[in-house]
Amino acid sequence: MGKLVLAMAAVVAALILWMAPMAQAADLSHGKQIFASNCAACHIGGGNVVNGAKTLKQADLDANGMASVEAITTQVTNGKNAMPAFKGRLSDQDMADVAAYVFNQAEQGW
């Protein structure tokens, strides 16, 4: 039993260390600025003025398969339906930061 607990603790520690650089790489303050300048017109407060069923709120992100930073980054990069693509208009870091910001806001309830 003790070996199992130690093994689980080692796995948890490894995951924390592996994920820490990703969390540090995103600049949420910068993401908020990018959001305000490029996204808020359609997504103010996490809503969606074009399609009310596809908000940036956690339940809708879950329902639409968008509940990860990676999925949000892909959407921002490539666009889809009424949402324009931002590839070439924003840097990769800008898109990563705004995706992290959106994900964080959804987790916090906007």
N, C-alpha and C. Protein backbone atom coordinates (compact mmCIF):
# COMPACT_ATOMS: atom_id res chain seq x y z
N MET A 1 0.82 -1.19 0.00
CA MET A 1 0.00 0.00 0.00
C MET A 1 0.87 1.26 0.00
N GLY A 2 1.94 1.25 0.78
CA GLY A 2 2.84 2.39 0.84
C GLY A 2 3.52 2.65 -0.48
N LYS A 3 3.88 1.59 -1.20
CA LYS A 3 4.53 1.75 -2.50
C LYS A 3 3.56 2.38 -3.51
N LEU A 4 2.30 2.00 -3.42
CA LEU A 4 1.29 2.55 -4.31
C LEU A 4 1.12 4.05 -4.07
N VAL A 5 1.09 4.44 -2.81
CA VAL A 5 0.95 5.87 -2.47
C VAL A 5 2.16 6.65 -2.97
N LEU A 6 3.35 6.09 -2.78
CA LEU A 6 4.56 6.75 -3.27
C LEU A 6 4.56 6.87 -4.79
N ALA A 7 4.13 5.83 -5.47
CA ALA A 7 4.07 5.87 -6.93
C ALA A 7 3.08 6.91 -7.41
N MET A 8 1.92 6.98 -6.75
CA MET A 8 0.92 7.98 -7.13
C MET A 8 1.44 9.39 -6.87
N ALA A 9 2.13 9.58 -5.76
CA ALA A 9 2.70 10.89 -5.45
C ALA A 9 3.74 11.28 -6.49
N ALA A 10 4.53 10.32 -6.94
CA ALA A 10 5.55 10.60 -7.96
C ALA A 10 4.89 11.00 -9.28
N VAL A 11 3.80 10.33 -9.64
CA VAL A 11 3.07 10.67 -10.88
C VAL A 11 2.49 12.07 -10.78
N VAL A 12 1.89 12.39 -9.66
CA VAL A 12 1.32 13.73 -9.47
C VAL A 12 2.41 14.79 -9.54
N ALA A 13 3.52 14.56 -8.89
CA ALA A 13 4.63 15.52 -8.93
C ALA A 13 5.15 15.70 -10.34
N ALA A 14 5.28 14.60 -11.09
CA ALA A 14 5.74 14.68 -12.47
C ALA A 14 4.77 15.48 -13.33
N LEU A 15 3.49 15.27 -13.15
CA LEU A 15 2.49 16.03 -13.91
C LEU A 15 2.56 17.51 -13.58
N ILE A 16 2.72 17.83 -12.33
CA ILE A 16 2.81 19.25 -11.93
C ILE A 16 4.04 19.89 -12.56
N LEU A 17 5.16 19.21 -12.51
CA LEU A 17 6.38 19.75 -13.11
C LEU A 17 6.26 19.86 -14.62
N TRP A 18 5.59 18.91 -15.26
CA TRP A 18 5.42 18.92 -16.71
C TRP A 18 4.49 20.05 -17.14
N MET A 19 3.44 20.31 -16.36
CA MET A 19 2.46 21.32 -16.73
C MET A 19 2.89 22.73 -16.33
N ALA A 20 3.77 22.89 -15.38
CA ALA A 20 4.17 24.21 -14.89
C ALA A 20 4.70 25.12 -16.00
N PRO A 21 5.58 24.65 -16.90
CA PRO A 21 6.06 25.55 -17.95
C PRO A 21 4.94 26.03 -18.87
N MET A 22 3.93 25.19 -19.12
CA MET A 22 2.82 25.61 -19.97
C MET A 22 2.04 26.73 -19.31
N ALA A 23 1.80 26.58 -18.01
CA ALA A 23 1.04 27.59 -17.30
C ALA A 23 1.82 28.90 -17.25
N GLN A 24 3.13 28.83 -17.10
CA GLN A 24 3.95 30.02 -17.03
C GLN A 24 4.11 30.67 -18.40
N ALA A 25 4.00 29.88 -19.47
CA ALA A 25 4.21 30.40 -20.81
C ALA A 25 3.11 31.38 -21.21
N ALA A 26 1.90 31.17 -20.71
CA ALA A 26 0.78 32.04 -21.07
C ALA A 26 0.79 33.29 -20.19
N ASP A 27 0.57 34.41 -20.81
CA ASP A 27 0.49 35.69 -20.11
C ASP A 27 -0.98 36.12 -20.13
N LEU A 28 -1.68 35.86 -19.02
CA LEU A 28 -3.11 36.14 -18.96
C LEU A 28 -3.43 37.63 -19.09
N SER A 29 -2.55 38.48 -18.57
CA SER A 29 -2.77 39.92 -18.69
C SER A 29 -2.70 40.34 -20.16
N HIS A 30 -1.71 39.81 -20.86
CA HIS A 30 -1.60 40.10 -22.29
C HIS A 30 -2.80 39.49 -23.03
N GLY A 31 -3.20 38.28 -22.65
CA GLY A 31 -4.37 37.65 -23.27
C GLY A 31 -5.62 38.49 -23.09
N LYS A 32 -5.77 39.11 -21.93
CA LYS A 32 -6.91 39.98 -21.68
C LYS A 32 -6.88 41.18 -22.62
N GLN A 33 -5.70 41.75 -22.85
CA GLN A 33 -5.57 42.88 -23.78
C GLN A 33 -5.92 42.46 -25.21
N ILE A 34 -5.42 41.30 -25.62
CA ILE A 34 -5.72 40.79 -26.96
C ILE A 34 -7.22 40.56 -27.10
N PHE A 35 -7.84 39.97 -26.07
CA PHE A 35 -9.28 39.72 -26.07
C PHE A 35 -10.05 41.03 -26.22
N ALA A 36 -9.69 42.03 -25.43
CA ALA A 36 -10.38 43.32 -25.47
C ALA A 36 -10.28 43.97 -26.84
N SER A 37 -9.14 43.81 -27.49
CA SER A 37 -8.92 44.45 -28.79
C SER A 37 -9.50 43.68 -29.97
N ASN A 38 -9.62 42.36 -29.85
CA ASN A 38 -9.96 41.55 -31.02
C ASN A 38 -11.20 40.68 -30.86
N CYS A 39 -11.62 40.41 -29.64
CA CYS A 39 -12.66 39.41 -29.42
C CYS A 39 -13.91 39.95 -28.73
N ALA A 40 -13.73 40.97 -27.90
CA ALA A 40 -14.82 41.42 -27.04
C ALA A 40 -16.04 41.93 -27.81
N ALA A 41 -15.86 42.42 -29.01
CA ALA A 41 -17.01 42.92 -29.77
C ALA A 41 -18.06 41.83 -29.97
N CYS A 42 -17.62 40.61 -30.20
CA CYS A 42 -18.54 39.48 -30.37
C CYS A 42 -18.70 38.65 -29.10
N HIS A 43 -17.70 38.68 -28.22
CA HIS A 43 -17.69 37.78 -27.06
C HIS A 43 -17.63 38.52 -25.74
N ILE A 44 -18.23 39.70 -25.66
CA ILE A 44 -18.19 40.47 -24.41
C ILE A 44 -18.73 39.63 -23.25
N GLY A 45 -17.98 39.62 -22.17
CA GLY A 45 -18.40 38.89 -20.98
C GLY A 45 -18.50 37.39 -21.19
N GLY A 46 -17.82 36.87 -22.21
CA GLY A 46 -17.87 35.44 -22.49
C GLY A 46 -19.09 35.02 -23.30
N GLY A 47 -19.87 35.98 -23.74
CA GLY A 47 -21.05 35.66 -24.54
C GLY A 47 -20.70 35.46 -26.01
N ASN A 48 -21.71 35.46 -26.85
CA ASN A 48 -21.53 35.36 -28.30
C ASN A 48 -22.71 36.06 -28.95
N VAL A 49 -22.47 37.23 -29.53
CA VAL A 49 -23.56 38.00 -30.13
C VAL A 49 -24.02 37.42 -31.46
N VAL A 50 -23.21 36.57 -32.07
CA VAL A 50 -23.57 35.97 -33.36
C VAL A 50 -24.37 34.68 -33.16
N ASN A 51 -23.93 33.83 -32.24
CA ASN A 51 -24.59 32.55 -32.00
C ASN A 51 -24.64 32.32 -30.50
N GLY A 52 -25.77 32.58 -29.89
CA GLY A 52 -25.93 32.49 -28.44
C GLY A 52 -25.69 31.11 -27.86
N ALA A 53 -25.67 30.08 -28.68
CA ALA A 53 -25.42 28.71 -28.20
C ALA A 53 -23.94 28.40 -28.12
N LYS A 54 -23.10 29.28 -28.64
CA LYS A 54 -21.67 29.01 -28.67
C LYS A 54 -20.91 30.11 -27.94
N THR A 55 -21.22 30.25 -26.67
CA THR A 55 -20.54 31.25 -25.84
C THR A 55 -19.19 30.70 -25.40
N LEU A 56 -18.47 31.52 -24.67
CA LEU A 56 -17.18 31.11 -24.11
C LEU A 56 -17.33 30.69 -22.66
N LYS A 57 -18.55 30.41 -22.24
CA LYS A 57 -18.81 29.96 -20.89
C LYS A 57 -18.53 28.46 -20.81
N GLN A 58 -18.16 28.01 -19.64
CA GLN A 58 -17.68 26.64 -19.46
C GLN A 58 -18.64 25.59 -20.01
N ALA A 59 -19.93 25.72 -19.72
CA ALA A 59 -20.89 24.71 -20.18
C ALA A 59 -20.93 24.62 -21.71
N ASP A 60 -20.87 25.75 -22.38
CA ASP A 60 -20.89 25.75 -23.85
C ASP A 60 -19.57 25.26 -24.42
N LEU A 61 -18.45 25.63 -23.79
CA LEU A 61 -17.16 25.10 -24.24
C LEU A 61 -17.17 23.57 -24.12
N ASP A 62 -17.68 23.05 -23.00
CA ASP A 62 -17.78 21.60 -22.82
C ASP A 62 -18.67 20.98 -23.89
N ALA A 63 -19.84 21.56 -24.10
CA ALA A 63 -20.82 21.01 -25.04
C ALA A 63 -20.32 21.02 -26.48
N ASN A 64 -19.46 21.99 -26.80
CA ASN A 64 -18.98 22.14 -28.18
C ASN A 64 -17.57 21.60 -28.39
N GLY A 65 -17.06 20.84 -27.44
CA GLY A 65 -15.73 20.25 -27.58
C GLY A 65 -14.61 21.27 -27.61
N MET A 66 -14.80 22.37 -26.90
CA MET A 66 -13.83 23.47 -26.92
C MET A 66 -13.22 23.74 -25.55
N ALA A 67 -13.33 22.80 -24.63
CA ALA A 67 -12.92 23.04 -23.25
C ALA A 67 -11.46 22.71 -22.99
N SER A 68 -10.58 23.25 -23.84
CA SER A 68 -9.14 23.12 -23.61
C SER A 68 -8.45 24.30 -24.26
N VAL A 69 -7.29 24.64 -23.75
CA VAL A 69 -6.52 25.73 -24.34
C VAL A 69 -6.17 25.37 -25.79
N GLU A 70 -5.86 24.13 -26.04
CA GLU A 70 -5.49 23.69 -27.39
C GLU A 70 -6.65 23.89 -28.37
N ALA A 71 -7.86 23.50 -27.98
CA ALA A 71 -9.03 23.65 -28.85
C ALA A 71 -9.33 25.13 -29.11
N ILE A 72 -9.23 25.95 -28.08
CA ILE A 72 -9.48 27.38 -28.23
C ILE A 72 -8.43 28.00 -29.14
N THR A 73 -7.17 27.60 -28.96
CA THR A 73 -6.10 28.11 -29.81
C THR A 73 -6.36 27.75 -31.27
N THR A 74 -6.78 26.54 -31.53
CA THR A 74 -7.10 26.12 -32.90
C THR A 74 -8.21 26.96 -33.49
N GLN A 75 -9.25 27.23 -32.69
CA GLN A 75 -10.38 28.04 -33.15
C GLN A 75 -9.92 29.48 -33.47
N VAL A 76 -9.12 30.04 -32.59
CA VAL A 76 -8.62 31.40 -32.81
C VAL A 76 -7.73 31.43 -34.05
N THR A 77 -6.89 30.44 -34.20
CA THR A 77 -5.96 30.39 -35.32
C THR A 77 -6.68 30.24 -36.66
N ASN A 78 -7.59 29.28 -36.73
CA ASN A 78 -8.21 28.91 -38.01
C ASN A 78 -9.60 29.47 -38.24
N GLY A 79 -10.24 29.96 -37.19
CA GLY A 79 -11.61 30.43 -37.32
C GLY A 79 -12.55 29.27 -37.63
N LYS A 80 -13.83 29.56 -37.73
CA LYS A 80 -14.82 28.55 -38.08
C LYS A 80 -16.17 29.24 -38.16
N ASN A 81 -16.92 28.91 -39.18
CA ASN A 81 -18.23 29.52 -39.40
C ASN A 81 -18.11 31.05 -39.40
N ALA A 82 -18.82 31.73 -38.52
CA ALA A 82 -18.80 33.20 -38.53
C ALA A 82 -17.54 33.78 -37.88
N MET A 83 -16.77 32.96 -37.17
CA MET A 83 -15.57 33.47 -36.51
C MET A 83 -14.41 33.53 -37.50
N PRO A 84 -13.78 34.68 -37.62
CA PRO A 84 -12.64 34.78 -38.55
C PRO A 84 -11.40 34.10 -37.99
N ALA A 85 -10.50 33.73 -38.88
CA ALA A 85 -9.19 33.20 -38.48
C ALA A 85 -8.28 34.37 -38.13
N PHE A 86 -7.48 34.19 -37.10
CA PHE A 86 -6.55 35.23 -36.68
C PHE A 86 -5.11 34.89 -37.05
N LYS A 87 -4.90 33.76 -37.71
CA LYS A 87 -3.56 33.40 -38.17
C LYS A 87 -3.11 34.48 -39.15
N GLY A 88 -1.93 35.00 -38.93
CA GLY A 88 -1.42 36.07 -39.78
C GLY A 88 -1.81 37.46 -39.30
N ARG A 89 -2.82 37.54 -38.44
CA ARG A 89 -3.24 38.82 -37.87
C ARG A 89 -2.72 38.98 -36.44
N LEU A 90 -2.58 37.84 -35.76
CA LEU A 90 -2.03 37.82 -34.40
C LEU A 90 -0.83 36.89 -34.40
N SER A 91 0.12 37.15 -33.53
CA SER A 91 1.27 36.25 -33.42
C SER A 91 0.84 34.95 -32.73
N ASP A 92 1.67 33.93 -32.85
CA ASP A 92 1.39 32.67 -32.15
C ASP A 92 1.28 32.91 -30.65
N GLN A 93 2.15 33.76 -30.10
CA GLN A 93 2.09 34.04 -28.66
C GLN A 93 0.81 34.78 -28.29
N ASP A 94 0.38 35.73 -29.14
CA ASP A 94 -0.89 36.43 -28.89
C ASP A 94 -2.04 35.43 -28.83
N MET A 95 -2.07 34.51 -29.78
CA MET A 95 -3.15 33.52 -29.83
C MET A 95 -3.09 32.58 -28.63
N ALA A 96 -1.89 32.19 -28.23
CA ALA A 96 -1.74 31.33 -27.05
C ALA A 96 -2.20 32.06 -25.79
N ASP A 97 -1.84 33.33 -25.67
CA ASP A 97 -2.22 34.10 -24.50
C ASP A 97 -3.73 34.33 -24.43
N VAL A 98 -4.35 34.64 -25.56
CA VAL A 98 -5.79 34.89 -25.53
C VAL A 98 -6.54 33.59 -25.29
N ALA A 99 -6.06 32.48 -25.81
CA ALA A 99 -6.70 31.19 -25.55
C ALA A 99 -6.61 30.84 -24.07
N ALA A 100 -5.45 31.05 -23.47
CA ALA A 100 -5.29 30.79 -22.04
C ALA A 100 -6.19 31.71 -21.22
N TYR A 101 -6.31 32.95 -21.64
CA TYR A 101 -7.18 33.90 -20.95
C TYR A 101 -8.64 33.44 -21.02
N VAL A 102 -9.10 33.06 -22.21
CA VAL A 102 -10.48 32.60 -22.38
C VAL A 102 -10.73 31.36 -21.52
N PHE A 103 -9.81 30.41 -21.56
CA PHE A 103 -9.96 29.19 -20.77
C PHE A 103 -10.02 29.52 -19.28
N ASN A 104 -9.14 30.40 -18.83
CA ASN A 104 -9.12 30.80 -17.42
C ASN A 104 -10.42 31.50 -17.05
N GLN A 105 -10.88 32.40 -17.88
CA GLN A 105 -12.15 33.11 -17.60
C GLN A 105 -13.31 32.15 -17.53
N ALA A 106 -13.34 31.17 -18.43
CA ALA A 106 -14.43 30.18 -18.40
C ALA A 106 -14.41 29.41 -17.09
N GLU A 107 -13.21 29.01 -16.66
CA GLU A 107 -13.10 28.30 -15.38
C GLU A 107 -13.55 29.16 -14.21
N GLN A 108 -13.33 30.47 -14.31
CA GLN A 108 -13.70 31.39 -13.23
C GLN A 108 -15.16 31.86 -13.32
N GLY A 109 -15.83 31.51 -14.40
CA GLY A 109 -17.24 31.91 -14.56
C GLY A 109 -17.45 33.26 -15.21
N TRP A 110 -16.41 33.76 -15.88
CA TRP A 110 -16.47 35.08 -16.53
C TRP A 110 -16.91 36.09 -15.52
